[in-house]
Each structure stands twice: as structure tokens, then as C-alpha cells.
Amino acid sequence: MNGRRRTLGPGRRLVCDISEMALRIPLAGAIAKIDVEELAEWRRKVSPRIAWNVLFLKAYALVAQARPELRQLYVRWPWPHLYQHPTNVAMLTVSREHEGEERLFFGRFSEPEKCSLVKLQERYDQYRAAPVESIKQFRHQVRFSKVPRWLRKICWFLLREIFVGSAAGQMGTFGMSLSCFKNVYGTCHVSPTTTTLGVDVVSKNGESQTLLTFDHRILDGEPVIEILQELGKTLRGPILEELRSLSPAAAQPRAA
């Protein structure tokens, strides 16, 4: 019995492009268990609930704001050098159904460290639930995925090697995705960004297993350990304080 060839859907074509770029990067990964027990307790007191993705997004952006290497990009052409973007741009992976295909979209958050958790949650909810056609970035991703492959490759080259400032703005200075689903954990994220944070959205025993995939040309193991430690401190510090301020339980003493 003979098989048959099938055309790649637009969503798969975009993932193939990203994977090909990522294969040129010497990626490494590090996993840390971060104490989020108190954060989880206060998160349950806030309505509407703030997603774990949003909490980690802002915490990592605060860390990246203080660490310039997390806003750097390795550029090969016309000679190997680093480009450092002035601000954070996060790209969060969102799975959506579109035109009969389950595909990945990438929601952009510019300078998330300057936004409140409530505003970030509103944007996140929009990326997850609003019609795809109503989201400008998603419309662009749909159109670009339908462009011929040879033209997409030229566009990617121009972004990655020539107009690197635009690359950071369009592709992000760091990425975020899930690192665990149904108790299955990932060990590495395929991404063209310098770092990609993988979040376990269901904390167990007060801990969240967090995966950081990084470009080894820019970061080594010791700085990555420090970054993950700073992420934990930020979650238990500024992020916890902001979450407390959103809880009705925290507002009652002030009202009294």
C-alpha cells in the first residue's frame, strides 16, 4: 500500500523556518526548581487569576532589564559581533486553531517589566482567546507563512544579519513557552532568540521546574545559574509584592 505526500500547512512552515535558524545556534539548557509556594498562595487570592506565564514573563523581564547580555544577539554577517537591544521584547508562544490547523502563534510584549500584571494578563488573554484576524501580529504571521519559501529565507537573513534592530523588535530579545505539559518535561527549546524561558504552569509541592535554553556563544553556565537564581528572587520579591497588592485581603487593612 503506497503512502502519499502532503503539503506543509502554513503553521508548520513557520515552525520549520524557526527550527532551521535555531539549528545554527549552539543551544544549551539549564533546569532549576524555583520556590513559588508563597506566590501560589497569594495567586489564589487574586481574581481574575494571574497566569503563571504572566508572572514569570514580568519577573524574567525585570532580570533582563538589569542584565544586558540577555538583550544581546549574535550576528554573523559581515563579521561575527554582538548587537545589544536597548529594551526587552518578549515573544510568548500561544497555541491556537486557525483555518482548520492547530498552529503556534507568537505574542509580542514590549517592555513587559514596565506593565502591571493586570495589563499583561489582559494582553495574554487577548492572544489566547481573541479572533486571530483581530490581532495584528497574528495576521502578519499568517500572511508571512504563506509567502514562498525562497522569499521567506531572504527575509529571515535580512532580519537576522542586516536589520538586527528590527529583528529584536519582531522576533523578540527573549522567548517564553511551556516546559511541561501533562507531567512531561522538555529539556530544550528550539528558538532563534538568545534565551527562551520554559515555564511549568502547574507548580507542585511549592516548586516550579523552570527551563532556560540559551545561546552558548553569548552565555555560559555560571551566568545562567545566576540568572535563574535572580529569577527566583524576583518572583518572591517584586512580583509577590505586586500580587499581594491586587488581593482583596491586602486592600482591607488600608480601607479600615
Foldseek 3Di string as FASTA:
>chain_A
DDDDDDDDDLQVLVVVVFLVLLVVFPKAKDKDKFFCQLVVVLQVQFPPGQFPLLLLVLLLQVLCLVPQLLQWAFAPPPHTDIDTANWFKEWEWEWDDDPNDTHIDTQIDTRSNPDASVVSRVSVVCVHDPPQVVDVRSVVSSVLSPPDPVVNVVVVCCCRHPVVNVVCVNQTQEYEYAQDDPRDGHRADRGNHQKYKHWHRDADPSITIIMIMGRVVRDDDVVVVVSVVSSSVSSVPVSSVSSLVNGVVNVVVVVD
